[in-house]
Structures are given as C-alpha cells and as structure tokens.
Amino acid sequence: LLDKGNQDIILYPEIAVEDRDGNIRTEA
C-alpha cells in the first residue's frame, strides 16, 4: 500500500527565490 496512491495531484514544491532587496526567501 506504500507504493499505491488514491489521488492524482499537482505539486508546487518549495523553491528559493530572491526578492527585490536581494534577500533569499522561499515560496511555492
């Protein structure tokens, strides 16, 4: 059962981005 799924989804994983001030933050 650990190899099966019951739902198809679309995953938007976390990524690191740089904001306009040059700071690194995370978002989907």
PDB file of all heavy atoms in Angstrom:
ATOM      1  N   LEU A   1       0.825  -1.203   0.000  1.00  0.00           N
ATOM      2  CA  LEU A   1       0.000   0.000   0.000  1.00  0.00           C
ATOM      3  C   LEU A   1       0.863   1.258   0.000  1.00  0.00           C
ATOM      4  O   LEU A   1       0.410   2.324  -0.407  1.00  0.00           O
ATOM      5  CB  LEU A   1      -0.931   0.014   1.212  1.00  0.00           C
ATOM      6  CG  LEU A   1      -2.106  -0.951   1.152  1.00  0.00           C
ATOM      7  CD1 LEU A   1      -2.881  -0.905   2.456  1.00  0.00           C
ATOM      8  CD2 LEU A   1      -3.005  -0.632  -0.014  1.00  0.00           C
ATOM      9  N   LEU A   2       2.109   1.157   0.445  1.00  0.00           N
ATOM     10  CA  LEU A   2       3.005   2.308   0.430  1.00  0.00           C
ATOM     11  C   LEU A   2       3.470   2.650  -0.983  1.00  0.00           C
ATOM     12  O   LEU A   2       4.080   3.691  -1.199  1.00  0.00           O
ATOM     13  CB  LEU A   2       4.217   2.054   1.332  1.00  0.00           C
ATOM     14  CG  LEU A   2       3.905   1.932   2.818  1.00  0.00           C
ATOM     15  CD1 LEU A   2       5.146   1.540   3.585  1.00  0.00           C
ATOM     16  CD2 LEU A   2       3.320   3.216   3.352  1.00  0.00           C
ATOM     17  N   ASP A   3       3.184   1.797  -1.953  1.00  0.00           N
ATOM     18  CA  ASP A   3       3.560   2.046  -3.338  1.00  0.00           C
ATOM     19  C   ASP A   3       2.381   2.532  -4.173  1.00  0.00           C
ATOM     20  O   ASP A   3       2.547   2.854  -5.337  1.00  0.00           O
ATOM     21  CB  ASP A   3       4.130   0.778  -3.973  1.00  0.00           C
ATOM     22  CG  ASP A   3       5.427   0.356  -3.318  1.00  0.00           C
ATOM     23  OD1 ASP A   3       6.207   1.243  -2.943  1.00  0.00           O
ATOM     24  OD2 ASP A   3       5.637  -0.856  -3.169  1.00  0.00           O
ATOM     25  N   LYS A   4       1.198   2.556  -3.581  1.00  0.00           N
ATOM     26  CA  LYS A   4      -0.003   2.964  -4.300  1.00  0.00           C
ATOM     27  C   LYS A   4      -0.403   4.368  -3.892  1.00  0.00           C
ATOM     28  O   LYS A   4       0.031   4.892  -2.882  1.00  0.00           O
ATOM     29  CB  LYS A   4      -1.162   2.017  -3.992  1.00  0.00           C
ATOM     30  CG  LYS A   4      -0.968   0.617  -4.491  1.00  0.00           C
ATOM     31  CD  LYS A   4      -2.178  -0.201  -4.178  1.00  0.00           C
ATOM     32  CE  LYS A   4      -1.997  -1.624  -4.667  1.00  0.00           C
ATOM     33  NZ  LYS A   4      -3.181  -2.442  -4.406  1.00  0.00           N
ATOM     34  N   GLY A   5      -1.257   4.956  -4.671  1.00  0.00           N
ATOM     35  CA  GLY A   5      -1.849   6.244  -4.353  1.00  0.00           C
ATOM     36  C   GLY A   5      -3.330   6.172  -4.650  1.00  0.00           C
ATOM     37  O   GLY A   5      -3.790   5.303  -5.386  1.00  0.00           O
ATOM     38  N   ASN A   6      -4.101   7.092  -4.090  1.00  0.00           N
ATOM     39  CA  ASN A   6      -5.532   7.107  -4.364  1.00  0.00           C
ATOM     40  C   ASN A   6      -5.967   8.419  -4.989  1.00  0.00           C
ATOM     41  O   ASN A   6      -7.147   8.632  -5.244  1.00  0.00           O
ATOM     42  CB  ASN A   6      -6.334   6.840  -3.090  1.00  0.00           C
ATOM     43  CG  ASN A   6      -6.178   7.935  -2.055  1.00  0.00           C
ATOM     44  OD1 ASN A   6      -5.352   8.826  -2.181  1.00  0.00           O
ATOM     45  ND2 ASN A   6      -6.980   7.855  -1.013  1.00  0.00           N
ATOM     46  N   GLN A   7      -5.003   9.335  -5.242  1.00  0.00           N
ATOM     47  CA  GLN A   7      -5.367  10.654  -5.752  1.00  0.00           C
ATOM     48  C   GLN A   7      -4.260  11.192  -6.649  1.00  0.00           C
ATOM     49  O   GLN A   7      -3.084  11.122  -6.304  1.00  0.00           O
ATOM     50  CB  GLN A   7      -5.574  11.612  -4.577  1.00  0.00           C
ATOM     51  CG  GLN A   7      -6.027  12.994  -4.955  1.00  0.00           C
ATOM     52  CD  GLN A   7      -7.486  13.029  -5.347  1.00  0.00           C
ATOM     53  OE1 GLN A   7      -8.326  12.438  -4.683  1.00  0.00           O
ATOM     54  NE2 GLN A   7      -7.796  13.704  -6.429  1.00  0.00           N
ATOM     55  N   ASP A   8      -4.665  11.732  -7.801  1.00  0.00           N
ATOM     56  CA  ASP A   8      -3.725  12.441  -8.662  1.00  0.00           C
ATOM     57  C   ASP A   8      -3.741  13.907  -8.256  1.00  0.00           C
ATOM     58  O   ASP A   8      -4.814  14.504  -8.107  1.00  0.00           O
ATOM     59  CB  ASP A   8      -4.114  12.299 -10.134  1.00  0.00           C
ATOM     60  CG  ASP A   8      -3.913  10.887 -10.632  1.00  0.00           C
ATOM     61  OD1 ASP A   8      -2.844  10.311 -10.345  1.00  0.00           O
ATOM     62  OD2 ASP A   8      -4.815  10.350 -11.292  1.00  0.00           O
ATOM     63  N   ILE A   9      -2.568  14.491  -8.057  1.00  0.00           N
ATOM     64  CA  ILE A   9      -2.456  15.880  -7.635  1.00  0.00           C
ATOM     65  C   ILE A   9      -1.475  16.606  -8.540  1.00  0.00           C
ATOM     66  O   ILE A   9      -0.797  15.987  -9.364  1.00  0.00           O
ATOM     67  CB  ILE A   9      -1.958  15.989  -6.175  1.00  0.00           C
ATOM     68  CG1 ILE A   9      -0.526  15.448  -6.061  1.00  0.00           C
ATOM     69  CG2 ILE A   9      -2.900  15.293  -5.215  1.00  0.00           C
ATOM     70  CD1 ILE A   9       0.213  15.920  -4.843  1.00  0.00           C
ATOM     71  N   ILE A  10      -1.403  17.915  -8.362  1.00  0.00           N
ATOM     72  CA  ILE A  10      -0.340  18.713  -8.963  1.00  0.00           C
ATOM     73  C   ILE A  10       0.395  19.356  -7.798  1.00  0.00           C
ATOM     74  O   ILE A  10      -0.197  20.060  -6.990  1.00  0.00           O
ATOM     75  CB  ILE A  10      -0.885  19.775  -9.925  1.00  0.00           C
ATOM     76  CG1 ILE A  10      -1.649  19.089 -11.054  1.00  0.00           C
ATOM     77  CG2 ILE A  10       0.256  20.630 -10.472  1.00  0.00           C
ATOM     78  CD1 ILE A  10      -2.317  20.027 -12.013  1.00  0.00           C
ATOM     79  N   LEU A  11       1.688  19.070  -7.693  1.00  0.00           N
ATOM     80  CA  LEU A  11       2.518  19.563  -6.596  1.00  0.00           C
ATOM     81  C   LEU A  11       3.321  20.771  -7.055  1.00  0.00           C
ATOM     82  O   LEU A  11       3.954  20.746  -8.103  1.00  0.00           O
ATOM     83  CB  LEU A  11       3.476  18.466  -6.136  1.00  0.00           C
ATOM     84  CG  LEU A  11       4.535  18.896  -5.130  1.00  0.00           C
ATOM     85  CD1 LEU A  11       3.892  19.239  -3.794  1.00  0.00           C
ATOM     86  CD2 LEU A  11       5.569  17.818  -4.961  1.00  0.00           C
ATOM     87  N   TYR A  12       3.266  21.831  -6.258  1.00  0.00           N
ATOM     88  CA  TYR A  12       4.070  23.025  -6.467  1.00  0.00           C
ATOM     89  C   TYR A  12       5.080  23.074  -5.321  1.00  0.00           C
ATOM     90  O   TYR A  12       4.782  23.615  -4.255  1.00  0.00           O
ATOM     91  CB  TYR A  12       3.188  24.278  -6.474  1.00  0.00           C
ATOM     92  CG  TYR A  12       2.145  24.257  -7.573  1.00  0.00           C
ATOM     93  CD1 TYR A  12       0.903  23.666  -7.367  1.00  0.00           C
ATOM     94  CD2 TYR A  12       2.420  24.801  -8.820  1.00  0.00           C
ATOM     95  CE1 TYR A  12      -0.050  23.628  -8.369  1.00  0.00           C
ATOM     96  CE2 TYR A  12       1.470  24.762  -9.835  1.00  0.00           C
ATOM     97  CZ  TYR A  12       0.239  24.181  -9.601  1.00  0.00           C
ATOM     98  OH  TYR A  12      -0.701  24.138 -10.608  1.00  0.00           O
ATOM     99  N   PRO A  13       6.258  22.484  -5.499  1.00  0.00           N
ATOM    100  CA  PRO A  13       7.209  22.364  -4.386  1.00  0.00           C
ATOM    101  C   PRO A  13       7.790  23.717  -3.973  1.00  0.00           C
ATOM    102  O   PRO A  13       7.727  24.690  -4.724  1.00  0.00           O
ATOM    103  CB  PRO A  13       8.297  21.450  -4.939  1.00  0.00           C
ATOM    104  CG  PRO A  13       8.218  21.621  -6.407  1.00  0.00           C
ATOM    105  CD  PRO A  13       6.792  21.927  -6.731  1.00  0.00           C
ATOM    106  N   GLU A  14       8.368  23.733  -2.789  1.00  0.00           N
ATOM    107  CA  GLU A  14       9.016  24.934  -2.273  1.00  0.00           C
ATOM    108  C   GLU A  14      10.298  25.215  -3.052  1.00  0.00           C
ATOM    109  O   GLU A  14      11.075  24.312  -3.326  1.00  0.00           O
ATOM    110  CB  GLU A  14       9.341  24.719  -0.802  1.00  0.00           C
ATOM    111  CG  GLU A  14      10.074  25.860  -0.148  1.00  0.00           C
ATOM    112  CD  GLU A  14      10.411  25.544   1.294  1.00  0.00           C
ATOM    113  OE1 GLU A  14      11.481  24.967   1.532  1.00  0.00           O
ATOM    114  OE2 GLU A  14       9.584  25.857   2.155  1.00  0.00           O
ATOM    115  N   ILE A  15      10.495  26.482  -3.412  1.00  0.00           N
ATOM    116  CA  ILE A  15      11.719  26.898  -4.084  1.00  0.00           C
ATOM    117  C   ILE A  15      12.257  28.147  -3.380  1.00  0.00           C
ATOM    118  O   ILE A  15      11.516  28.849  -2.702  1.00  0.00           O
ATOM    119  CB  ILE A  15      11.502  27.197  -5.587  1.00  0.00           C
ATOM    120  CG1 ILE A  15      10.445  28.286  -5.775  1.00  0.00           C
ATOM    121  CG2 ILE A  15      11.134  25.932  -6.345  1.00  0.00           C
ATOM    122  CD1 ILE A  15      10.336  28.804  -7.186  1.00  0.00           C
ATOM    123  N   ALA A  16      13.539  28.399  -3.546  1.00  0.00           N
ATOM    124  CA  ALA A  16      14.168  29.607  -3.001  1.00  0.00           C
ATOM    125  C   ALA A  16      14.202  30.663  -4.097  1.00  0.00           C
ATOM    126  O   ALA A  16      14.586  30.378  -5.235  1.00  0.00           O
ATOM    127  CB  ALA A  16      15.576  29.292  -2.515  1.00  0.00           C
ATOM    128  N   VAL A  17      13.768  31.883  -3.766  1.00  0.00           N
ATOM    129  CA  VAL A  17      13.771  32.997  -4.711  1.00  0.00           C
ATOM    130  C   VAL A  17      14.433  34.203  -4.050  1.00  0.00           C
ATOM    131  O   VAL A  17      14.502  34.292  -2.828  1.00  0.00           O
ATOM    132  CB  VAL A  17      12.348  33.356  -5.182  1.00  0.00           C
ATOM    133  CG1 VAL A  17      11.726  32.224  -5.967  1.00  0.00           C
ATOM    134  CG2 VAL A  17      11.465  33.746  -4.027  1.00  0.00           C
ATOM    135  N   GLU A  18      14.881  35.117  -4.885  1.00  0.00           N
ATOM    136  CA  GLU A  18      15.488  36.347  -4.384  1.00  0.00           C
ATOM    137  C   GLU A  18      14.495  37.482  -4.573  1.00  0.00           C
ATOM    138  O   GLU A  18      13.970  37.682  -5.669  1.00  0.00           O
ATOM    139  CB  GLU A  18      16.774  36.630  -5.160  1.00  0.00           C
ATOM    140  CG  GLU A  18      17.552  37.795  -4.627  1.00  0.00           C
ATOM    141  CD  GLU A  18      18.878  37.972  -5.346  1.00  0.00           C
ATOM    142  OE1 GLU A  18      19.498  36.958  -5.706  1.00  0.00           O
ATOM    143  OE2 GLU A  18      19.271  39.131  -5.541  1.00  0.00           O
ATOM    144  N   ASP A  19      14.211  38.227  -3.497  1.00  0.00           N
ATOM    145  CA  ASP A  19      13.278  39.341  -3.617  1.00  0.00           C
ATOM    146  C   ASP A  19      13.999  40.575  -4.161  1.00  0.00           C
ATOM    147  O   ASP A  19      15.197  40.534  -4.433  1.00  0.00           O
ATOM    148  CB  ASP A  19      12.562  39.618  -2.285  1.00  0.00           C
ATOM    149  CG  ASP A  19      13.482  40.107  -1.186  1.00  0.00           C
ATOM    150  OD1 ASP A  19      14.627  40.483  -1.478  1.00  0.00           O
ATOM    151  OD2 ASP A  19      13.039  40.116  -0.023  1.00  0.00           O
ATOM    152  N   ARG A  20      13.279  41.674  -4.316  1.00  0.00           N
ATOM    153  CA  ARG A  20      13.869  42.858  -4.951  1.00  0.00           C
ATOM    154  C   ARG A  20      14.980  43.504  -4.129  1.00  0.00           C
ATOM    155  O   ARG A  20      15.761  44.289  -4.639  1.00  0.00           O
ATOM    156  CB  ARG A  20      12.777  43.870  -5.271  1.00  0.00           C
ATOM    157  CG  ARG A  20      12.089  44.412  -4.055  1.00  0.00           C
ATOM    158  CD  ARG A  20      11.006  45.368  -4.435  1.00  0.00           C
ATOM    159  NE  ARG A  20      10.364  45.885  -3.221  1.00  0.00           N
ATOM    160  CZ  ARG A  20       9.285  46.586  -3.216  1.00  0.00           C
ATOM    161  NH1 ARG A  20       8.694  46.881  -4.350  1.00  0.00           N
ATOM    162  NH2 ARG A  20       8.769  47.005  -2.087  1.00  0.00           N
ATOM    163  N   ASP A  21      15.043  43.173  -2.835  1.00  0.00           N
ATOM    164  CA  ASP A  21      16.112  43.695  -1.985  1.00  0.00           C
ATOM    165  C   ASP A  21      17.318  42.764  -1.931  1.00  0.00           C
ATOM    166  O   ASP A  21      18.282  43.038  -1.223  1.00  0.00           O
ATOM    167  CB  ASP A  21      15.589  43.907  -0.560  1.00  0.00           C
ATOM    168  CG  ASP A  21      14.498  44.964  -0.499  1.00  0.00           C
ATOM    169  OD1 ASP A  21      14.592  45.942  -1.284  1.00  0.00           O
ATOM    170  OD2 ASP A  21      13.570  44.818   0.308  1.00  0.00           O
ATOM    171  N   GLY A  22      17.255  41.643  -2.645  1.00  0.00           N
ATOM    172  CA  GLY A  22      18.370  40.705  -2.669  1.00  0.00           C
ATOM    173  C   GLY A  22      18.326  39.650  -1.580  1.00  0.00           C
ATOM    174  O   GLY A  22      19.272  38.894  -1.412  1.00  0.00           O
ATOM    175  N   ASN A  23      17.224  39.591  -0.828  1.00  0.00           N
ATOM    176  CA  ASN A  23      17.082  38.596   0.228  1.00  0.00           C
ATOM    177  C   ASN A  23      16.556  37.284  -0.351  1.00  0.00           C
ATOM    178  O   ASN A  23      15.720  37.284  -1.241  1.00  0.00           O
ATOM    179  CB  ASN A  23      16.118  39.087   1.302  1.00  0.00           C
ATOM    180  CG  ASN A  23      16.586  40.375   1.936  1.00  0.00           C
ATOM    181  OD1 ASN A  23      17.743  40.508   2.295  1.00  0.00           O
ATOM    182  ND2 ASN A  23      15.683  41.336   2.049  1.00  0.00           N
ATOM    183  N   ILE A  24      17.047  36.191   0.177  1.00  0.00           N
ATOM    184  CA  ILE A  24      16.583  34.875  -0.256  1.00  0.00           C
ATOM    185  C   ILE A  24      15.404  34.468   0.633  1.00  0.00           C
ATOM    186  O   ILE A  24      15.481  34.530   1.854  1.00  0.00           O
ATOM    187  CB  ILE A  24      17.696  33.818  -0.144  1.00  0.00           C
ATOM    188  CG1 ILE A  24      18.909  34.242  -0.972  1.00  0.00           C
ATOM    189  CG2 ILE A  24      17.198  32.444  -0.568  1.00  0.00           C
ATOM    190  CD1 ILE A  24      18.661  34.311  -2.449  1.00  0.00           C
ATOM    191  N   ARG A  25      14.301  34.053   0.001  1.00  0.00           N
ATOM    192  CA  ARG A  25      13.140  33.570   0.743  1.00  0.00           C
ATOM    193  C   ARG A  25      12.554  32.377  -0.006  1.00  0.00           C
ATOM    194  O   ARG A  25      12.963  32.090  -1.129  1.00  0.00           O
ATOM    195  CB  ARG A  25      12.097  34.670   0.929  1.00  0.00           C
ATOM    196  CG  ARG A  25      11.539  35.217  -0.350  1.00  0.00           C
ATOM    197  CD  ARG A  25      10.550  36.359  -0.088  1.00  0.00           C
ATOM    198  NE  ARG A  25       9.942  36.808  -1.306  1.00  0.00           N
ATOM    199  CZ  ARG A  25       8.897  36.253  -1.904  1.00  0.00           C
ATOM    200  NH1 ARG A  25       8.325  35.191  -1.368  1.00  0.00           N
ATOM    201  NH2 ARG A  25       8.413  36.716  -3.017  1.00  0.00           N
ATOM    202  N   THR A  26      11.624  31.698   0.621  1.00  0.00           N
ATOM    203  CA  THR A  26      11.023  30.525  -0.017  1.00  0.00           C
ATOM    204  C   THR A  26       9.566  30.799  -0.363  1.00  0.00           C
ATOM    205  O   THR A  26       8.887  31.588   0.304  1.00  0.00           O
ATOM    206  CB  THR A  26      11.103  29.297   0.904  1.00  0.00           C
ATOM    207  OG1 THR A  26      10.455  29.599   2.137  1.00  0.00           O
ATOM    208  CG2 THR A  26      12.538  28.896   1.161  1.00  0.00           C
ATOM    209  N   GLU A  27       9.119  30.136  -1.421  1.00  0.00           N
ATOM    210  CA  GLU A  27       7.723  30.213  -1.843  1.00  0.00           C
ATOM    211  C   GLU A  27       7.418  28.980  -2.683  1.00  0.00           C
ATOM    212  O   GLU A  27       8.317  28.218  -3.042  1.00  0.00           O
ATOM    213  CB  GLU A  27       7.450  31.478  -2.651  1.00  0.00           C
ATOM    214  CG  GLU A  27       8.161  31.532  -3.977  1.00  0.00           C
ATOM    215  CD  GLU A  27       7.853  32.792  -4.765  1.00  0.00           C
ATOM    216  OE1 GLU A  27       7.606  33.850  -4.165  1.00  0.00           O
ATOM    217  OE2 GLU A  27       7.866  32.705  -6.000  1.00  0.00           O
ATOM    218  N   ALA A  28       6.148  28.797  -2.994  1.00  0.00           N
ATOM    219  CA  ALA A  28       5.756  27.669  -3.837  1.00  0.00           C
ATOM    220  C   ALA A  28       6.136  27.961  -5.287  1.00  0.00           C
ATOM    221  O   ALA A  28       6.023  29.098  -5.751  1.00  0.00           O
ATOM    222  CB  ALA A  28       4.253  27.434  -3.732  1.00  0.00           C
TER     223      ALA A  28
END
